[in-house]
């Protein structure tokens, strides 16, 4: 199984507020959303922290 990490801009959803430059990161594992992160542009989240061993399922 693979852990897929997606980072995408949310600009069109937040045109006129402080989230204009924020990104979203979704952690997909086994076709299931496990964690959802919102972080500022420039933040670095090491890929090791998203390994399946470190992800807890609800």
PDB file of N, CA and C in Angstrom:
ATOM      1  N   UNK A   1       0.830  -1.195   0.000  1.00  0.00           N
ATOM      2  CA  UNK A   1       0.000   0.000   0.000  1.00  0.00           C
ATOM      3  C   UNK A   1       0.869   1.250   0.000  1.00  0.00           C
ATOM      4  N   UNK A   2       0.367   2.275  -0.618  1.00  0.00           N
ATOM      5  CA  UNK A   2       1.114   3.517  -0.707  1.00  0.00           C
ATOM      6  C   UNK A   2       0.406   4.626   0.055  1.00  0.00           C
ATOM      7  N   UNK A   3       1.207   5.540   0.595  1.00  0.00           N
ATOM      8  CA  UNK A   3       0.654   6.751   1.175  1.00  0.00           C
ATOM      9  C   UNK A   3       0.858   7.868   0.167  1.00  0.00           C
ATOM     10  N   UNK A   4      -0.223   8.486  -0.277  1.00  0.00           N
ATOM     11  CA  UNK A   4      -0.149   9.550  -1.260  1.00  0.00           C
ATOM     12  C   UNK A   4      -0.355  10.888  -0.575  1.00  0.00           C
ATOM     13  N   UNK A   5       0.521  11.831  -0.883  1.00  0.00           N
ATOM     14  CA  UNK A   5       0.431  13.156  -0.287  1.00  0.00           C
ATOM     15  C   UNK A   5       0.128  14.169  -1.378  1.00  0.00           C
ATOM     16  N   UNK A   6      -0.933  14.934  -1.181  1.00  0.00           N
ATOM     17  CA  UNK A   6      -1.320  15.946  -2.140  1.00  0.00           C
ATOM     18  C   UNK A   6      -1.251  17.320  -1.503  1.00  0.00           C
ATOM     19  N   UNK A   7      -0.628  18.262  -2.179  1.00  0.00           N
ATOM     20  CA  UNK A   7      -0.622  19.653  -1.721  1.00  0.00           C
ATOM     21  C   UNK A   7      -1.215  20.499  -2.831  1.00  0.00           C
ATOM     22  N   UNK A   8      -2.199  21.311  -2.482  1.00  0.00           N
ATOM     23  CA  UNK A   8      -2.841  22.132  -3.499  1.00  0.00           C
ATOM     24  C   UNK A   8      -3.230  23.485  -2.931  1.00  0.00           C
ATOM     25  N   UNK A   9      -3.293  24.476  -3.809  1.00  0.00           N
ATOM     26  CA  UNK A   9      -3.670  25.812  -3.372  1.00  0.00           C
ATOM     27  C   UNK A   9      -5.184  25.905  -3.201  1.00  0.00           C
ATOM     28  N   UNK A  10      -5.591  26.715  -2.230  1.00  0.00           N
ATOM     29  CA  UNK A  10      -7.009  26.922  -1.969  1.00  0.00           C
ATOM     30  C   UNK A  10      -7.437  28.333  -2.344  1.00  0.00           C
ATOM     31  N   UNK A  11      -6.669  28.977  -3.212  1.00  0.00           N
ATOM     32  CA  UNK A  11      -6.889  30.404  -3.479  1.00  0.00           C
ATOM     33  C   UNK A  11      -8.299  30.737  -3.948  1.00  0.00           C
ATOM     34  N   UNK A  12      -8.845  29.931  -4.833  1.00  0.00           N
ATOM     35  CA  UNK A  12     -10.151  30.277  -5.387  1.00  0.00           C
ATOM     36  C   UNK A  12     -11.272  30.169  -4.354  1.00  0.00           C
ATOM     37  N   UNK A  13     -11.033  29.422  -3.287  1.00  0.00           N
ATOM     38  CA  UNK A  13     -12.057  29.278  -2.261  1.00  0.00           C
ATOM     39  C   UNK A  13     -11.991  30.403  -1.228  1.00  0.00           C
ATOM     40  N   UNK A  14     -10.863  31.071  -1.141  1.00  0.00           N
ATOM     41  CA  UNK A  14     -10.658  32.073  -0.096  1.00  0.00           C
ATOM     42  C   UNK A  14     -10.078  33.345  -0.712  1.00  0.00           C
ATOM     43  N   UNK A  15     -10.848  33.953  -1.602  1.00  0.00           N
ATOM     44  CA  UNK A  15     -10.343  35.089  -2.369  1.00  0.00           C
ATOM     45  C   UNK A  15      -9.983  36.285  -1.499  1.00  0.00           C
ATOM     46  N   UNK A  16     -10.778  36.562  -0.452  1.00  0.00           N
ATOM     47  CA  UNK A  16     -10.630  37.846   0.223  1.00  0.00           C
ATOM     48  C   UNK A  16     -10.357  37.714   1.714  1.00  0.00           C
ATOM     49  N   UNK A  17      -9.715  36.627   2.133  1.00  0.00           N
ATOM     50  CA  UNK A  17      -9.394  36.523   3.549  1.00  0.00           C
ATOM     51  C   UNK A  17      -7.963  36.021   3.760  1.00  0.00           C
ATOM     52  N   UNK A  18      -7.614  35.782   5.013  1.00  0.00           N
ATOM     53  CA  UNK A  18      -6.231  35.447   5.364  1.00  0.00           C
ATOM     54  C   UNK A  18      -5.772  34.113   4.813  1.00  0.00           C
ATOM     55  N   UNK A  19      -6.706  33.301   4.314  1.00  0.00           N
ATOM     56  CA  UNK A  19      -6.335  31.994   3.794  1.00  0.00           C
ATOM     57  C   UNK A  19      -5.911  32.032   2.325  1.00  0.00           C
ATOM     58  N   UNK A  20      -5.818  33.249   1.781  1.00  0.00           N
ATOM     59  CA  UNK A  20      -5.518  33.392   0.358  1.00  0.00           C
ATOM     60  C   UNK A  20      -4.273  32.614  -0.049  1.00  0.00           C
ATOM     61  N   UNK A  21      -3.240  32.646   0.788  1.00  0.00           N
ATOM     62  CA  UNK A  21      -1.979  32.004   0.443  1.00  0.00           C
ATOM     63  C   UNK A  21      -1.773  30.659   1.132  1.00  0.00           C
ATOM     64  N   UNK A  22      -2.833  30.134   1.749  1.00  0.00           N
ATOM     65  CA  UNK A  22      -2.677  28.869   2.453  1.00  0.00           C
ATOM     66  C   UNK A  22      -2.863  27.678   1.507  1.00  0.00           C
ATOM     67  N   UNK A  23      -2.310  26.571   1.917  1.00  0.00           N
ATOM     68  CA  UNK A  23      -2.401  25.344   1.136  1.00  0.00           C
ATOM     69  C   UNK A  23      -3.105  24.289   1.970  1.00  0.00           C
ATOM     70  N   UNK A  24      -3.599  23.268   1.297  1.00  0.00           N
ATOM     71  CA  UNK A  24      -4.146  22.136   2.027  1.00  0.00           C
ATOM     72  C   UNK A  24      -3.343  20.894   1.682  1.00  0.00           C
ATOM     73  N   UNK A  25      -3.200  20.040   2.636  1.00  0.00           N
ATOM     74  CA  UNK A  25      -2.516  18.771   2.398  1.00  0.00           C
ATOM     75  C   UNK A  25      -3.404  17.650   2.908  1.00  0.00           C
ATOM     76  N   UNK A  26      -3.660  16.716   2.060  1.00  0.00           N
ATOM     77  CA  UNK A  26      -4.492  15.586   2.432  1.00  0.00           C
ATOM     78  C   UNK A  26      -3.649  14.319   2.405  1.00  0.00           C
ATOM     79  N   UNK A  27      -3.809  13.514   3.413  1.00  0.00           N
ATOM     80  CA  UNK A  27      -3.086  12.255   3.476  1.00  0.00           C
ATOM     81  C   UNK A  27      -4.076  11.134   3.135  1.00  0.00           C
ATOM     82  N   UNK A  28      -3.810  10.490   2.020  1.00  0.00           N
ATOM     83  CA  UNK A  28      -4.677   9.419   1.574  1.00  0.00           C
ATOM     84  C   UNK A  28      -3.940   8.091   1.769  1.00  0.00           C
ATOM     85  N   UNK A  29      -4.558   7.192   2.494  1.00  0.00           N
ATOM     86  CA  UNK A  29      -3.944   5.882   2.701  1.00  0.00           C
ATOM     87  C   UNK A  29      -4.995   4.811   2.438  1.00  0.00           C
ATOM     88  N   UNK A  30      -4.686   3.917   1.528  1.00  0.00           N
ATOM     89  CA  UNK A  30      -5.617   2.847   1.184  1.00  0.00           C
ATOM     90  C   UNK A  30      -6.970   3.412   0.759  1.00  0.00           C
ATOM     91  N   UNK A  31      -6.917   4.453  -0.085  1.00  0.00           N
ATOM     92  CA  UNK A  31      -8.121   5.100  -0.611  1.00  0.00           C
ATOM     93  C   UNK A  31      -8.985   5.733   0.470  1.00  0.00           C
ATOM     94  N   UNK A  32      -8.380   6.075   1.610  1.00  0.00           N
ATOM     95  CA  UNK A  32      -9.141   6.685   2.690  1.00  0.00           C
ATOM     96  C   UNK A  32      -8.425   7.926   3.198  1.00  0.00           C
ATOM     97  N   UNK A  33      -9.191   8.972   3.440  1.00  0.00           N
ATOM     98  CA  UNK A  33      -8.606  10.192   3.991  1.00  0.00           C
ATOM     99  C   UNK A  33      -8.352   9.982   5.483  1.00  0.00           C
ATOM    100  N   UNK A  34      -7.075   9.999   5.882  1.00  0.00           N
ATOM    101  CA  UNK A  34      -6.742   9.777   7.286  1.00  0.00           C
ATOM    102  C   UNK A  34      -6.519  11.078   8.036  1.00  0.00           C
ATOM    103  N   UNK A  35      -5.816  11.992   7.394  1.00  0.00           N
ATOM    104  CA  UNK A  35      -5.489  13.239   8.071  1.00  0.00           C
ATOM    105  C   UNK A  35      -5.670  14.391   7.101  1.00  0.00           C
ATOM    106  N   UNK A  36      -6.009  15.561   7.619  1.00  0.00           N
ATOM    107  CA  UNK A  36      -6.149  16.753   6.796  1.00  0.00           C
ATOM    108  C   UNK A  36      -5.347  17.879   7.433  1.00  0.00           C
ATOM    109  N   UNK A  37      -4.460  18.472   6.669  1.00  0.00           N
ATOM    110  CA  UNK A  37      -3.600  19.521   7.180  1.00  0.00           C
ATOM    111  C   UNK A  37      -3.804  20.803   6.389  1.00  0.00           C
ATOM    112  N   UNK A  38      -3.834  21.923   7.085  1.00  0.00           N
ATOM    113  CA  UNK A  38      -3.784  23.212   6.417  1.00  0.00           C
ATOM    114  C   UNK A  38      -2.540  23.910   6.921  1.00  0.00           C
ATOM    115  N   UNK A  39      -1.728  24.407   6.002  1.00  0.00           N
ATOM    116  CA  UNK A  39      -0.474  25.012   6.414  1.00  0.00           C
ATOM    117  C   UNK A  39      -0.121  26.162   5.490  1.00  0.00           C
ATOM    118  N   UNK A  40       0.675  27.084   6.025  1.00  0.00           N
ATOM    119  CA  UNK A  40       1.050  28.257   5.249  1.00  0.00           C
ATOM    120  C   UNK A  40       2.061  27.887   4.178  1.00  0.00           C
ATOM    121  N   UNK A  41       2.058  28.662   3.105  1.00  0.00           N
ATOM    122  CA  UNK A  41       3.031  28.467   2.048  1.00  0.00           C
ATOM    123  C   UNK A  41       4.423  28.593   2.649  1.00  0.00           C
ATOM    124  N   UNK A  42       5.298  27.650   2.346  1.00  0.00           N
ATOM    125  CA  UNK A  42       6.645  27.690   2.871  1.00  0.00           C
ATOM    126  C   UNK A  42       6.866  26.746   4.036  1.00  0.00           C
ATOM    127  N   UNK A  43       5.776  26.284   4.663  1.00  0.00           N
ATOM    128  CA  UNK A  43       5.925  25.296   5.725  1.00  0.00           C
ATOM    129  C   UNK A  43       6.461  24.001   5.133  1.00  0.00           C
ATOM    130  N   UNK A  44       7.309  23.331   5.881  1.00  0.00           N
ATOM    131  CA  UNK A  44       7.869  22.065   5.427  1.00  0.00           C
ATOM    132  C   UNK A  44       7.430  20.972   6.384  1.00  0.00           C
ATOM    133  N   UNK A  45       6.735  19.985   5.846  1.00  0.00           N
ATOM    134  CA  UNK A  45       6.312  18.848   6.652  1.00  0.00           C
ATOM    135  C   UNK A  45       7.040  17.619   6.113  1.00  0.00           C
ATOM    136  N   UNK A  46       7.960  17.049   6.907  1.00  0.00           N
ATOM    137  CA  UNK A  46       8.761  15.929   6.412  1.00  0.00           C
ATOM    138  C   UNK A  46       7.891  14.722   6.080  1.00  0.00           C
ATOM    139  N   UNK A  47       8.184  14.110   4.937  1.00  0.00           N
ATOM    140  CA  UNK A  47       7.361  12.993   4.466  1.00  0.00           C
ATOM    141  C   UNK A  47       7.407  11.826   5.449  1.00  0.00           C
ATOM    142  N   UNK A  48       8.487  11.728   6.225  1.00  0.00           N
ATOM    143  CA  UNK A  48       8.592  10.634   7.182  1.00  0.00           C
ATOM    144  C   UNK A  48       7.483  10.679   8.224  1.00  0.00           C
ATOM    145  N   UNK A  49       7.019  11.885   8.529  1.00  0.00           N
ATOM    146  CA  UNK A  49       5.991  12.009   9.561  1.00  0.00           C
ATOM    147  C   UNK A  49       4.639  11.489   9.087  1.00  0.00           C
ATOM    148  N   UNK A  50       4.535  11.177   7.789  1.00  0.00           N
ATOM    149  CA  UNK A  50       3.282  10.666   7.251  1.00  0.00           C
ATOM    150  C   UNK A  50       3.369   9.189   6.874  1.00  0.00           C
ATOM    151  N   UNK A  51       4.367   8.511   7.391  1.00  0.00           N
ATOM    152  CA  UNK A  51       4.475   7.090   7.090  1.00  0.00           C
ATOM    153  C   UNK A  51       3.324   6.341   7.758  1.00  0.00           C
ATOM    154  N   UNK A  52       2.858   5.249   7.168  1.00  0.00           N
ATOM    155  CA  UNK A  52       1.707   4.517   7.706  1.00  0.00           C
ATOM    156  C   UNK A  52       1.872   4.141   9.180  1.00  0.00           C
ATOM    157  N   UNK A  53       3.100   3.873   9.603  1.00  0.00           N
ATOM    158  CA  UNK A  53       3.343   3.491  10.991  1.00  0.00           C
ATOM    159  C   UNK A  53       3.014   4.638  11.948  1.00  0.00           C
ATOM    160  N   UNK A  54       3.141   5.881  11.448  1.00  0.00           N
ATOM    161  CA  UNK A  54       2.917   7.030  12.314  1.00  0.00           C
ATOM    162  C   UNK A  54       1.509   7.593  12.214  1.00  0.00           C
ATOM    163  N   UNK A  55       0.720   7.063  11.276  1.00  0.00           N
ATOM    164  CA  UNK A  55      -0.651   7.543  11.114  1.00  0.00           C
ATOM    165  C   UNK A  55      -1.579   6.694  11.971  1.00  0.00           C
ATOM    166  N   UNK A  56      -2.417   7.361  12.724  1.00  0.00           N
ATOM    167  CA  UNK A  56      -3.394   6.628  13.528  1.00  0.00           C
ATOM    168  C   UNK A  56      -4.752   6.728  12.861  1.00  0.00           C
ATOM    169  N   UNK A  57      -5.452   5.626  12.775  1.00  0.00           N
ATOM    170  CA  UNK A  57      -6.779   5.640  12.169  1.00  0.00           C
ATOM    171  C   UNK A  57      -7.810   5.963  13.241  1.00  0.00           C
ATOM    172  N   UNK A  58      -8.855   6.665  12.873  1.00  0.00           N
ATOM    173  CA  UNK A  58      -9.899   7.044  13.839  1.00  0.00           C
ATOM    174  C   UNK A  58     -10.577   5.822  14.453  1.00  0.00           C
TER     175      UNK A  58
END
